[in-house]
Amino acid sequence: MMHLLPPGNGLSADIDDGGVAAPIQLLPFNESNFQQLIDWVKDKQLLTQFAGPIFTFPITVEQLLKYTQTINRQIFSISERTSGQAIGHIELDRIDYEHKSARVCRFLIGRETHRGKKYGQQALEALQKIAFDDLSLNRLELVVLAENVSAIKCYENCGFMTEGVMRESYWMNGKPVSALMMSILSSEYRARHNNGG
């Protein structure tokens, strides 16, 4: 039996980098974040990379309202600590307490000026903290397009390992695209953090 987590339980996370607070934090995603997310997702290709088939382009407030009411997921706004300004979006989905697993998905640094600054890596580390420390999960997984090299590097830097290739699992711009299944286990997360990783 799967134990379900109600939507919007108020989890949030900060990470610290050797005693220094990271410049970002995860805050619960709510209606005040809707328009910003809509503005970030400007075309169908970005929507597919960001969300797969869960939304249709263009994203609407109605789609986001339905999305936020789904149980079994925790949705976060990635925000700058000092300004509180939202710069991205990340989600912990398919939370399964019986099997102690969840999936990282719908991950986006929306503001282009914030890309390439390791904010995505910091957000993913904060999400790992929630998954492994707060929710006591054992496994986090994600699926990433094989051609998304920068995202794969970010995931590897956070300890995710490639488990396999999902050959031609998506259809984009008139051609098949493969994806990678990646994961990290609680024991691997703890080993990284116990060794200063």
C-alpha atoms as a PDB file:
ATOM      1  CA  MET A   1       0.000   0.000   0.000  1.00  0.00           C
ATOM      2  CA  MET A   2       1.283   3.452  -0.909  1.00  0.00           C
ATOM      3  CA  HIS A   3       1.079   6.120   1.800  1.00  0.00           C
ATOM      4  CA  LEU A   4       0.131   9.425   0.268  1.00  0.00           C
ATOM      5  CA  LEU A   5       1.424  12.832   1.233  1.00  0.00           C
ATOM      6  CA  PRO A   6      -1.175  15.598   0.977  1.00  0.00           C
ATOM      7  CA  PRO A   7      -0.369  18.523  -1.307  1.00  0.00           C
ATOM      8  CA  GLY A   8       1.217  21.616   0.205  1.00  0.00           C
ATOM      9  CA  ASN A   9       2.353  20.320   3.585  1.00  0.00           C
ATOM     10  CA  GLY A  10       4.731  23.267   3.973  1.00  0.00           C
ATOM     11  CA  LEU A  11       8.077  21.509   3.695  1.00  0.00           C
ATOM     12  CA  SER A  12      10.909  23.844   2.784  1.00  0.00           C
ATOM     13  CA  ALA A  13      14.665  23.524   2.807  1.00  0.00           C
ATOM     14  CA  ASP A  14      17.848  25.459   3.157  1.00  0.00           C
ATOM     15  CA  ILE A  15      21.279  24.027   2.640  1.00  0.00           C
ATOM     16  CA  ASP A  16      24.550  25.180   4.004  1.00  0.00           C
ATOM     17  CA  ASP A  17      27.881  25.037   2.301  1.00  0.00           C
ATOM     18  CA  GLY A  18      30.452  24.342   5.006  1.00  0.00           C
ATOM     19  CA  GLY A  19      28.690  26.523   7.559  1.00  0.00           C
ATOM     20  CA  VAL A  20      27.766  29.236   5.048  1.00  0.00           C
ATOM     21  CA  ALA A  21      24.149  29.512   3.975  1.00  0.00           C
ATOM     22  CA  ALA A  22      23.606  28.846   0.272  1.00  0.00           C
ATOM     23  CA  PRO A  23      22.233  31.775  -1.737  1.00  0.00           C
ATOM     24  CA  ILE A  24      19.046  29.840  -2.577  1.00  0.00           C
ATOM     25  CA  GLN A  25      16.265  28.129  -0.655  1.00  0.00           C
ATOM     26  CA  LEU A  26      13.276  25.955  -1.505  1.00  0.00           C
ATOM     27  CA  LEU A  27       9.879  27.359  -0.572  1.00  0.00           C
ATOM     28  CA  PRO A  28       6.452  25.811  -1.144  1.00  0.00           C
ATOM     29  CA  PHE A  29       5.124  26.539  -4.652  1.00  0.00           C
ATOM     30  CA  ASN A  30       1.761  28.308  -4.529  1.00  0.00           C
ATOM     31  CA  GLU A  31      -0.566  30.504  -6.573  1.00  0.00           C
ATOM     32  CA  SER A  32       1.710  33.524  -6.152  1.00  0.00           C
ATOM     33  CA  ASN A  33       4.306  31.638  -8.267  1.00  0.00           C
ATOM     34  CA  PHE A  34       1.971  30.692 -11.135  1.00  0.00           C
ATOM     35  CA  GLN A  35       2.484  33.678 -13.422  1.00  0.00           C
ATOM     36  CA  GLN A  36       6.257  33.550 -13.057  1.00  0.00           C
ATOM     37  CA  LEU A  37       6.338  29.899 -14.125  1.00  0.00           C
ATOM     38  CA  ILE A  38       4.004  30.638 -17.051  1.00  0.00           C
ATOM     39  CA  ASP A  39       6.331  33.466 -18.148  1.00  0.00           C
ATOM     40  CA  TRP A  40       9.442  31.249 -17.990  1.00  0.00           C
ATOM     41  CA  VAL A  41       8.030  28.496 -20.210  1.00  0.00           C
ATOM     42  CA  LYS A  42       7.982  30.372 -23.526  1.00  0.00           C
ATOM     43  CA  ASP A  43       7.832  27.519 -26.065  1.00  0.00           C
ATOM     44  CA  LYS A  44       6.727  23.912 -26.540  1.00  0.00           C
ATOM     45  CA  GLN A  45      10.258  22.504 -26.539  1.00  0.00           C
ATOM     46  CA  LEU A  46      11.109  24.046 -23.167  1.00  0.00           C
ATOM     47  CA  LEU A  47       7.761  22.838 -21.834  1.00  0.00           C
ATOM     48  CA  THR A  48       8.534  19.268 -22.953  1.00  0.00           C
ATOM     49  CA  GLN A  49      12.012  19.368 -21.389  1.00  0.00           C
ATOM     50  CA  PHE A  50      10.631  20.858 -18.179  1.00  0.00           C
ATOM     51  CA  ALA A  51       7.407  18.924 -17.705  1.00  0.00           C
ATOM     52  CA  GLY A  52       7.026  16.153 -20.252  1.00  0.00           C
ATOM     53  CA  PRO A  53       3.342  15.526 -21.037  1.00  0.00           C
ATOM     54  CA  ILE A  54       1.863  16.851 -17.775  1.00  0.00           C
ATOM     55  CA  PHE A  55       0.982  20.283 -19.244  1.00  0.00           C
ATOM     56  CA  THR A  56      -0.124  21.529 -22.653  1.00  0.00           C
ATOM     57  CA  PHE A  57       1.351  24.671 -24.184  1.00  0.00           C
ATOM     58  CA  PRO A  58       0.811  27.377 -23.187  1.00  0.00           C
ATOM     59  CA  ILE A  59       0.589  26.604 -19.474  1.00  0.00           C
ATOM     60  CA  THR A  60      -2.487  28.166 -17.881  1.00  0.00           C
ATOM     61  CA  VAL A  61      -3.499  29.046 -14.337  1.00  0.00           C
ATOM     62  CA  GLU A  62      -6.170  26.319 -14.547  1.00  0.00           C
ATOM     63  CA  GLN A  63      -3.543  23.679 -15.374  1.00  0.00           C
ATOM     64  CA  LEU A  64      -1.385  24.846 -12.466  1.00  0.00           C
ATOM     65  CA  LEU A  65      -4.303  24.792 -10.011  1.00  0.00           C
ATOM     66  CA  LYS A  66      -5.035  21.170 -10.920  1.00  0.00           C
ATOM     67  CA  TYR A  67      -1.308  20.326 -10.749  1.00  0.00           C
ATOM     68  CA  THR A  68      -0.900  21.719  -7.230  1.00  0.00           C
ATOM     69  CA  GLN A  69      -3.861  19.714  -5.892  1.00  0.00           C
ATOM     70  CA  THR A  70      -2.361  16.326  -6.748  1.00  0.00           C
ATOM     71  CA  ILE A  71      -1.388  14.207  -3.775  1.00  0.00           C
ATOM     72  CA  ASN A  72       1.921  12.357  -3.666  1.00  0.00           C
ATOM     73  CA  ARG A  73       4.064  15.311  -4.703  1.00  0.00           C
ATOM     74  CA  GLN A  74       5.820  18.244  -3.096  1.00  0.00           C
ATOM     75  CA  ILE A  75       6.335  21.277  -5.334  1.00  0.00           C
ATOM     76  CA  PHE A  76       8.856  24.007  -4.610  1.00  0.00           C
ATOM     77  CA  SER A  77       9.829  27.424  -5.823  1.00  0.00           C
ATOM     78  CA  ILE A  78      13.604  27.909  -5.937  1.00  0.00           C
ATOM     79  CA  SER A  79      14.142  31.348  -4.418  1.00  0.00           C
ATOM     80  CA  GLU A  80      17.035  33.680  -3.757  1.00  0.00           C
ATOM     81  CA  ARG A  81      17.621  33.839  -0.031  1.00  0.00           C
ATOM     82  CA  THR A  82      18.349  37.572   0.157  1.00  0.00           C
ATOM     83  CA  SER A  83      15.618  38.925  -2.125  1.00  0.00           C
ATOM     84  CA  GLY A  84      13.062  36.123  -1.854  1.00  0.00           C
ATOM     85  CA  GLN A  85      12.774  36.329  -5.650  1.00  0.00           C
ATOM     86  CA  ALA A  86      11.724  33.108  -7.387  1.00  0.00           C
ATOM     87  CA  ILE A  87      14.366  31.925  -9.867  1.00  0.00           C
ATOM     88  CA  GLY A  88      13.242  28.371 -10.559  1.00  0.00           C
ATOM     89  CA  HIS A  89      11.034  25.376  -9.893  1.00  0.00           C
ATOM     90  CA  ILE A  90      11.610  21.808  -8.656  1.00  0.00           C
ATOM     91  CA  GLU A  91       9.364  18.956  -7.614  1.00  0.00           C
ATOM     92  CA  LEU A  92       9.497  15.751  -5.620  1.00  0.00           C
ATOM     93  CA  ASP A  93       6.912  13.468  -7.267  1.00  0.00           C
ATOM     94  CA  ARG A  94       5.675   9.885  -6.913  1.00  0.00           C
ATOM     95  CA  ILE A  95       6.477   9.896  -3.199  1.00  0.00           C
ATOM     96  CA  ASP A  96       6.043   6.299  -2.059  1.00  0.00           C
ATOM     97  CA  TYR A  97       6.555   5.671   1.663  1.00  0.00           C
ATOM     98  CA  GLU A  98       6.104   1.909   1.409  1.00  0.00           C
ATOM     99  CA  HIS A  99       9.042   1.568  -0.970  1.00  0.00           C
ATOM    100  CA  LYS A 100      10.794   4.720   0.321  1.00  0.00           C
ATOM    101  CA  SER A 101      11.266   6.292  -3.093  1.00  0.00           C
ATOM    102  CA  ALA A 102      10.397   9.413  -5.067  1.00  0.00           C
ATOM    103  CA  ARG A 103      11.163  11.053  -8.388  1.00  0.00           C
ATOM    104  CA  VAL A 104      12.759  14.449  -8.990  1.00  0.00           C
ATOM    105  CA  CYS A 105      10.980  16.190 -11.834  1.00  0.00           C
ATOM    106  CA  ARG A 106       9.831  19.453 -13.359  1.00  0.00           C
ATOM    107  CA  PHE A 107      13.167  21.084 -12.528  1.00  0.00           C
ATOM    108  CA  LEU A 108      13.936  24.451 -14.087  1.00  0.00           C
ATOM    109  CA  ILE A 109      16.121  27.453 -13.403  1.00  0.00           C
ATOM    110  CA  GLY A 110      13.746  29.866 -15.080  1.00  0.00           C
ATOM    111  CA  ARG A 111      15.739  33.063 -14.978  1.00  0.00           C
ATOM    112  CA  GLU A 112      18.475  32.810 -17.593  1.00  0.00           C
ATOM    113  CA  THR A 113      20.691  35.204 -15.607  1.00  0.00           C
ATOM    114  CA  HIS A 114      20.806  32.595 -12.822  1.00  0.00           C
ATOM    115  CA  ARG A 115      21.876  29.675 -15.003  1.00  0.00           C
ATOM    116  CA  GLY A 116      25.476  28.480 -14.830  1.00  0.00           C
ATOM    117  CA  LYS A 117      25.855  29.645 -11.208  1.00  0.00           C
ATOM    118  CA  LYS A 118      25.301  26.248  -9.548  1.00  0.00           C
ATOM    119  CA  TYR A 119      21.880  27.293  -8.252  1.00  0.00           C
ATOM    120  CA  GLY A 120      20.398  24.183  -9.842  1.00  0.00           C
ATOM    121  CA  GLN A 121      22.916  22.016  -8.008  1.00  0.00           C
ATOM    122  CA  GLN A 122      22.139  23.779  -4.718  1.00  0.00           C
ATOM    123  CA  ALA A 123      18.397  23.333  -5.283  1.00  0.00           C
ATOM    124  CA  LEU A 124      18.841  19.628  -5.985  1.00  0.00           C
ATOM    125  CA  GLU A 125      20.966  19.234  -2.841  1.00  0.00           C
ATOM    126  CA  ALA A 126      18.232  20.952  -0.816  1.00  0.00           C
ATOM    127  CA  LEU A 127      15.654  18.578  -2.323  1.00  0.00           C
ATOM    128  CA  GLN A 128      17.858  15.595  -1.416  1.00  0.00           C
ATOM    129  CA  LYS A 129      17.946  16.878   2.164  1.00  0.00           C
ATOM    130  CA  ILE A 130      14.135  16.924   2.251  1.00  0.00           C
ATOM    131  CA  ALA A 131      13.865  13.465   0.680  1.00  0.00           C
ATOM    132  CA  PHE A 132      16.502  11.687   2.737  1.00  0.00           C
ATOM    133  CA  ASP A 133      16.527  13.596   6.038  1.00  0.00           C
ATOM    134  CA  ASP A 134      12.956  14.871   6.438  1.00  0.00           C
ATOM    135  CA  LEU A 135      10.958  12.174   4.610  1.00  0.00           C
ATOM    136  CA  SER A 136      13.347   9.251   5.352  1.00  0.00           C
ATOM    137  CA  LEU A 137      13.303   7.996   1.767  1.00  0.00           C
ATOM    138  CA  ASN A 138      15.872   5.516   0.456  1.00  0.00           C
ATOM    139  CA  ARG A 139      15.899   6.290  -3.269  1.00  0.00           C
ATOM    140  CA  LEU A 140      15.564   9.336  -5.498  1.00  0.00           C
ATOM    141  CA  GLU A 141      15.341   8.910  -9.253  1.00  0.00           C
ATOM    142  CA  LEU A 142      14.936  11.144 -12.262  1.00  0.00           C
ATOM    143  CA  VAL A 143      14.632  10.956 -16.030  1.00  0.00           C
ATOM    144  CA  VAL A 144      16.613  13.368 -18.221  1.00  0.00           C
ATOM    145  CA  LEU A 145      16.871  13.732 -21.989  1.00  0.00           C
ATOM    146  CA  ALA A 146      20.153  12.196 -23.149  1.00  0.00           C
ATOM    147  CA  GLU A 147      20.985  15.360 -25.100  1.00  0.00           C
ATOM    148  CA  ASN A 148      20.628  17.620 -22.021  1.00  0.00           C
ATOM    149  CA  VAL A 149      24.332  17.557 -21.170  1.00  0.00           C
ATOM    150  CA  SER A 150      24.295  20.449 -18.686  1.00  0.00           C
ATOM    151  CA  ALA A 151      21.490  18.870 -16.648  1.00  0.00           C
ATOM    152  CA  ILE A 152      23.242  15.481 -16.622  1.00  0.00           C
ATOM    153  CA  LYS A 153      26.417  17.134 -15.328  1.00  0.00           C
ATOM    154  CA  CYS A 154      24.419  18.854 -12.566  1.00  0.00           C
ATOM    155  CA  TYR A 155      22.842  15.544 -11.540  1.00  0.00           C
ATOM    156  CA  GLU A 156      26.202  13.749 -11.534  1.00  0.00           C
ATOM    157  CA  ASN A 157      27.674  16.548  -9.393  1.00  0.00           C
ATOM    158  CA  CYS A 158      24.904  15.834  -6.873  1.00  0.00           C
ATOM    159  CA  GLY A 159      25.736  12.119  -6.755  1.00  0.00           C
ATOM    160  CA  PHE A 160      23.179  10.721  -9.211  1.00  0.00           C
ATOM    161  CA  MET A 161      24.339   7.743 -11.261  1.00  0.00           C
ATOM    162  CA  THR A 162      23.026   6.605 -14.626  1.00  0.00           C
ATOM    163  CA  GLU A 163      21.086   3.344 -14.364  1.00  0.00           C
ATOM    164  CA  GLY A 164      20.149   2.970 -17.993  1.00  0.00           C
ATOM    165  CA  VAL A 165      19.060   4.450 -21.291  1.00  0.00           C
ATOM    166  CA  MET A 166      15.393   4.729 -22.211  1.00  0.00           C
ATOM    167  CA  ARG A 167      15.877   4.430 -25.964  1.00  0.00           C
ATOM    168  CA  GLU A 168      13.819   6.763 -28.140  1.00  0.00           C
ATOM    169  CA  SER A 169      11.313   7.290 -25.334  1.00  0.00           C
ATOM    170  CA  TYR A 170      10.242  10.814 -26.382  1.00  0.00           C
ATOM    171  CA  TRP A 171       9.242  12.368 -29.690  1.00  0.00           C
ATOM    172  CA  MET A 172      10.495  15.942 -30.115  1.00  0.00           C
ATOM    173  CA  ASN A 173      10.732  18.151 -33.192  1.00  0.00           C
ATOM    174  CA  GLY A 174       9.750  15.281 -35.451  1.00  0.00           C
ATOM    175  CA  LYS A 175      12.371  12.827 -34.206  1.00  0.00           C
ATOM    176  CA  PRO A 176      12.827  10.253 -31.432  1.00  0.00           C
ATOM    177  CA  VAL A 177      14.909  11.268 -28.425  1.00  0.00           C
ATOM    178  CA  SER A 178      16.399   8.969 -25.798  1.00  0.00           C
ATOM    179  CA  ALA A 179      16.473   9.635 -22.066  1.00  0.00           C
ATOM    180  CA  LEU A 180      18.554   8.474 -19.112  1.00  0.00           C
ATOM    181  CA  MET A 181      17.245   7.054 -15.849  1.00  0.00           C
ATOM    182  CA  MET A 182      19.442   8.290 -12.991  1.00  0.00           C
ATOM    183  CA  SER A 183      19.241   7.712  -9.237  1.00  0.00           C
ATOM    184  CA  ILE A 184      20.888   8.227  -5.877  1.00  0.00           C
ATOM    185  CA  LEU A 185      20.377   6.147  -2.730  1.00  0.00           C
ATOM    186  CA  SER A 186      20.241   7.376   0.848  1.00  0.00           C
ATOM    187  CA  SER A 187      23.484   5.522   1.668  1.00  0.00           C
ATOM    188  CA  GLU A 188      25.253   7.276  -1.227  1.00  0.00           C
ATOM    189  CA  TYR A 189      23.875  10.654  -0.149  1.00  0.00           C
ATOM    190  CA  ARG A 190      25.068  10.097   3.430  1.00  0.00           C
ATOM    191  CA  ALA A 191      28.515   8.906   2.308  1.00  0.00           C
ATOM    192  CA  ARG A 192      28.914  12.060   0.191  1.00  0.00           C
ATOM    193  CA  HIS A 193      27.946  14.314   3.086  1.00  0.00           C
ATOM    194  CA  ASN A 194      29.968  12.446   5.706  1.00  0.00           C
ATOM    195  CA  ASN A 195      33.021  12.828   3.459  1.00  0.00           C
ATOM    196  CA  GLY A 196      32.379  16.521   2.793  1.00  0.00           C
ATOM    197  CA  GLY A 197      30.941  15.750  -0.710  1.00  0.00           C
END
